[in-house]
Protein backbone atom coordinates (compact mmCIF):
# COMPACT_ATOMS: atom_id res chain seq x y z
CA UNK A 1 0.00 0.00 0.00
CA UNK A 2 1.36 3.47 -0.94
CA UNK A 3 2.11 6.03 1.74
CA UNK A 4 -0.09 9.11 1.16
CA UNK A 5 2.51 11.40 2.73
CA UNK A 6 4.87 10.78 -0.20
CA UNK A 7 2.38 12.21 -2.71
CA UNK A 8 3.07 15.88 -3.48
CA UNK A 9 0.06 18.07 -2.73
CA UNK A 10 -1.37 20.11 -5.61
CA UNK A 11 -0.24 23.72 -5.97
CA UNK A 12 -2.95 25.84 -4.25
CA UNK A 13 -2.54 28.55 -6.90
CA UNK A 14 -3.78 26.15 -9.59
CA UNK A 15 -6.88 24.99 -7.70
CA UNK A 16 -10.37 26.37 -8.11
CA UNK A 17 -11.99 27.77 -4.98
CA UNK A 18 -14.11 24.64 -4.61
CA UNK A 19 -11.16 22.27 -5.02
CA UNK A 20 -9.04 24.28 -2.57
CA UNK A 21 -11.88 24.24 -0.04
CA UNK A 22 -12.32 20.46 -0.41
CA UNK A 23 -8.57 19.93 0.04
CA UNK A 24 -8.61 22.16 3.13
CA UNK A 25 -11.56 20.22 4.58
CA UNK A 26 -9.67 16.95 4.02
CA UNK A 27 -6.62 18.31 5.83
CA UNK A 28 -8.73 19.52 8.74
CA UNK A 29 -10.40 16.10 9.07
CA UNK A 30 -7.01 14.37 9.06
CA UNK A 31 -5.60 16.73 11.68
CA UNK A 32 -8.70 16.44 13.85
CA UNK A 33 -8.51 12.65 13.74
CA UNK A 34 -5.36 12.76 15.88
CA UNK A 35 -3.90 9.83 13.94
CA UNK A 36 -1.30 11.85 12.04
CA UNK A 37 2.34 11.83 13.21
CA UNK A 38 3.72 15.18 14.40
CA UNK A 39 5.98 15.83 11.38
CA UNK A 40 3.14 15.10 8.97
CA UNK A 41 0.79 17.27 11.07
CA UNK A 42 3.16 20.19 10.69
CA UNK A 43 3.34 19.66 6.94
CA UNK A 44 -0.45 19.34 6.69
CA UNK A 45 -0.90 22.52 8.72
CA UNK A 46 1.39 24.42 6.33
CA UNK A 47 -0.52 23.06 3.32
CA UNK A 48 -3.79 24.01 5.00
CA UNK A 49 -2.58 27.56 5.61
CA UNK A 50 -1.70 27.94 1.91
CA UNK A 51 -5.13 26.62 0.94
CA UNK A 52 -6.82 28.97 3.42
CA UNK A 53 -4.95 31.92 1.89
CA UNK A 54 -6.01 30.81 -1.60
CA UNK A 55 -9.65 30.57 -0.55
CA UNK A 56 -9.52 33.98 1.13
CA UNK A 57 -7.96 35.55 -1.99
CA UNK A 58 -10.59 33.98 -4.24
CA UNK A 59 -13.43 35.19 -2.01
CA UNK A 60 -12.00 38.72 -1.94
CA UNK A 61 -11.74 38.70 -5.73
CA UNK A 62 -15.34 37.50 -6.04
CA UNK A 63 -16.56 40.21 -3.65
CA UNK A 64 -14.73 42.84 -5.69
CA UNK A 65 -16.67 41.74 -8.78
CA UNK A 66 -20.08 41.85 -7.10
CA UNK A 67 -21.89 45.09 -7.73
CA UNK A 68 -24.65 46.66 -5.68
CA UNK A 69 -27.34 47.69 -8.14
CA UNK A 70 -28.91 51.13 -7.83
CA UNK A 71 -32.64 51.11 -8.50
CA UNK A 72 -34.86 54.14 -9.09
CA UNK A 73 -38.39 54.66 -7.71
CA UNK A 74 -39.87 52.71 -10.65
CA UNK A 75 -37.64 49.70 -9.98
CA UNK A 76 -35.41 50.29 -13.00
CA UNK A 77 -31.69 49.65 -12.61
CA UNK A 78 -29.89 52.97 -12.92
CA UNK A 79 -26.32 51.98 -12.11
CA UNK A 80 -24.02 49.88 -9.97
CA UNK A 81 -21.58 50.46 -7.13
CA UNK A 82 -18.64 48.29 -6.10
CA UNK A 83 -19.41 45.75 -3.40
CA UNK A 84 -19.37 47.37 0.03
CA UNK A 85 -19.69 50.95 -1.27
CA UNK A 86 -22.24 53.02 0.57
């Protein structure tokens, strides 16, 4: 049987948000199980931190693209503002 720790993890920069989130969830489950040796736990934690950063960056980019629509009294869209603009 192959040792999973010898398999190189995927580069977080190449993963979609969904794939990065799934990989992060897998790491969290493994760490929470308590069955991972200390050295591997440290490596998994570092991988998880990179995945967390990737997910955070992707969410920030998505928020930046979301626009708040401005609607007039008749309900017609009159413009848009960047997400979070008041």
